[in-house]
């Protein structure tokens, strides 16, 4: 059984980190989404400004609340604001 969450980074989030996918270790009982966002900000300071304006998905569903629990095997996606036209 996986002991991590798969963090997928898009657009400017991917550029800030230098990778599109990060495995992120989580305890078996899970981790709140807000705790993961805070950990990502600390681990990747260049990502912090992007995270503040991003939308987050858990297993392809937008999170309504960052208090939702992420469990091992989940996918957590970071979608920064997109521009263009």
C-alpha atoms as a PDB file:
ATOM      1  CA  UNK A   1       0.000   0.000   0.000  1.00  0.00           C
ATOM      2  CA  UNK A   2       1.365   3.426  -0.934  1.00  0.00           C
ATOM      3  CA  UNK A   3       2.582   5.627   1.898  1.00  0.00           C
ATOM      4  CA  UNK A   4       2.469   8.801  -0.133  1.00  0.00           C
ATOM      5  CA  UNK A   5       0.244  11.233  -1.959  1.00  0.00           C
ATOM      6  CA  UNK A   6       1.029  11.955  -5.586  1.00  0.00           C
ATOM      7  CA  UNK A   7       1.318  15.744  -5.934  1.00  0.00           C
ATOM      8  CA  UNK A   8       0.758  16.939  -9.511  1.00  0.00           C
ATOM      9  CA  UNK A   9       1.928  20.442 -10.378  1.00  0.00           C
ATOM     10  CA  UNK A  10       0.733  22.422 -13.372  1.00  0.00           C
ATOM     11  CA  UNK A  11       1.895  25.574 -15.185  1.00  0.00           C
ATOM     12  CA  UNK A  12       3.730  28.037 -12.896  1.00  0.00           C
ATOM     13  CA  UNK A  13       3.649  25.556 -10.003  1.00  0.00           C
ATOM     14  CA  UNK A  14       5.583  23.058 -12.120  1.00  0.00           C
ATOM     15  CA  UNK A  15       8.055  25.758 -13.144  1.00  0.00           C
ATOM     16  CA  UNK A  16       8.618  26.833  -9.526  1.00  0.00           C
ATOM     17  CA  UNK A  17       9.438  23.283  -8.426  1.00  0.00           C
ATOM     18  CA  UNK A  18      11.103  22.008 -11.593  1.00  0.00           C
ATOM     19  CA  UNK A  19       9.011  18.829 -11.695  1.00  0.00           C
ATOM     20  CA  UNK A  20       5.475  17.903 -12.679  1.00  0.00           C
ATOM     21  CA  UNK A  21       4.983  15.166 -10.079  1.00  0.00           C
ATOM     22  CA  UNK A  22       6.182  14.777  -6.490  1.00  0.00           C
ATOM     23  CA  UNK A  23       5.602  11.805  -4.224  1.00  0.00           C
ATOM     24  CA  UNK A  24       4.802  13.238  -0.784  1.00  0.00           C
ATOM     25  CA  UNK A  25       4.958  10.987   2.285  1.00  0.00           C
ATOM     26  CA  UNK A  26       1.864  10.971   4.482  1.00  0.00           C
ATOM     27  CA  UNK A  27       1.025   9.085   7.651  1.00  0.00           C
ATOM     28  CA  UNK A  28      -1.347   6.144   7.340  1.00  0.00           C
ATOM     29  CA  UNK A  29      -4.118   8.127   9.064  1.00  0.00           C
ATOM     30  CA  UNK A  30      -3.737  10.899   6.479  1.00  0.00           C
ATOM     31  CA  UNK A  31      -2.865  14.578   6.334  1.00  0.00           C
ATOM     32  CA  UNK A  32      -5.099  17.623   5.970  1.00  0.00           C
ATOM     33  CA  UNK A  33      -4.770  19.412   2.643  1.00  0.00           C
ATOM     34  CA  UNK A  34      -3.804  22.650   4.411  1.00  0.00           C
ATOM     35  CA  UNK A  35      -0.910  20.815   6.105  1.00  0.00           C
ATOM     36  CA  UNK A  36       0.320  19.575   2.745  1.00  0.00           C
ATOM     37  CA  UNK A  37       0.104  23.078   1.236  1.00  0.00           C
ATOM     38  CA  UNK A  38       2.088  24.491   4.186  1.00  0.00           C
ATOM     39  CA  UNK A  39       4.712  21.746   3.814  1.00  0.00           C
ATOM     40  CA  UNK A  40       5.031  22.448   0.080  1.00  0.00           C
ATOM     41  CA  UNK A  41       5.493  26.177   0.793  1.00  0.00           C
ATOM     42  CA  UNK A  42       8.249  25.387   3.261  1.00  0.00           C
ATOM     43  CA  UNK A  43      10.006  22.857   1.030  1.00  0.00           C
ATOM     44  CA  UNK A  44       9.726  25.015  -2.108  1.00  0.00           C
ATOM     45  CA  UNK A  45       9.748  28.732  -1.177  1.00  0.00           C
ATOM     46  CA  UNK A  46       9.471  29.765  -4.847  1.00  0.00           C
ATOM     47  CA  UNK A  47       6.159  27.878  -4.970  1.00  0.00           C
ATOM     48  CA  UNK A  48       4.558  29.791  -2.073  1.00  0.00           C
ATOM     49  CA  UNK A  49       3.207  32.787  -4.070  1.00  0.00           C
ATOM     50  CA  UNK A  50       1.699  30.433  -6.660  1.00  0.00           C
ATOM     51  CA  UNK A  51      -0.011  28.291  -4.033  1.00  0.00           C
ATOM     52  CA  UNK A  52      -1.796  31.316  -2.570  1.00  0.00           C
ATOM     53  CA  UNK A  53      -3.799  31.777  -5.772  1.00  0.00           C
ATOM     54  CA  UNK A  54      -4.152  28.128  -6.776  1.00  0.00           C
ATOM     55  CA  UNK A  55      -7.068  25.738  -6.784  1.00  0.00           C
ATOM     56  CA  UNK A  56      -6.563  22.233  -5.454  1.00  0.00           C
ATOM     57  CA  UNK A  57      -8.005  18.893  -6.460  1.00  0.00           C
ATOM     58  CA  UNK A  58      -8.114  15.596  -4.616  1.00  0.00           C
ATOM     59  CA  UNK A  59      -8.545  12.627  -6.922  1.00  0.00           C
ATOM     60  CA  UNK A  60      -9.837  14.853  -9.762  1.00  0.00           C
ATOM     61  CA  UNK A  61     -12.385  16.734  -7.598  1.00  0.00           C
ATOM     62  CA  UNK A  62     -11.942  20.353  -6.541  1.00  0.00           C
ATOM     63  CA  UNK A  63     -11.522  20.768  -2.812  1.00  0.00           C
ATOM     64  CA  UNK A  64     -14.116  22.955  -1.147  1.00  0.00           C
ATOM     65  CA  UNK A  65     -12.194  22.967   2.101  1.00  0.00           C
ATOM     66  CA  UNK A  66      -8.481  22.576   2.837  1.00  0.00           C
ATOM     67  CA  UNK A  67      -9.414  20.647   5.988  1.00  0.00           C
ATOM     68  CA  UNK A  68     -10.183  17.605   3.830  1.00  0.00           C
ATOM     69  CA  UNK A  69      -7.935  14.672   4.633  1.00  0.00           C
ATOM     70  CA  UNK A  70      -5.541  13.270   2.069  1.00  0.00           C
ATOM     71  CA  UNK A  71      -4.735   9.608   2.462  1.00  0.00           C
ATOM     72  CA  UNK A  72      -1.925   7.449   1.097  1.00  0.00           C
ATOM     73  CA  UNK A  73      -2.617   6.687  -2.556  1.00  0.00           C
ATOM     74  CA  UNK A  74      -4.536   9.930  -3.203  1.00  0.00           C
ATOM     75  CA  UNK A  75      -3.602  12.386  -5.900  1.00  0.00           C
ATOM     76  CA  UNK A  76      -3.382  16.084  -4.993  1.00  0.00           C
ATOM     77  CA  UNK A  77      -3.252  18.480  -7.929  1.00  0.00           C
ATOM     78  CA  UNK A  78      -2.187  22.128  -7.838  1.00  0.00           C
ATOM     79  CA  UNK A  79      -3.814  24.306 -10.518  1.00  0.00           C
ATOM     80  CA  UNK A  80      -2.486  27.878 -10.517  1.00  0.00           C
ATOM     81  CA  UNK A  81      -4.479  30.642 -12.151  1.00  0.00           C
ATOM     82  CA  UNK A  82      -4.254  30.317 -15.924  1.00  0.00           C
ATOM     83  CA  UNK A  83      -4.043  33.179 -18.361  1.00  0.00           C
ATOM     84  CA  UNK A  84      -4.257  33.516 -22.066  1.00  0.00           C
ATOM     85  CA  UNK A  85      -6.966  33.361 -24.585  1.00  0.00           C
END
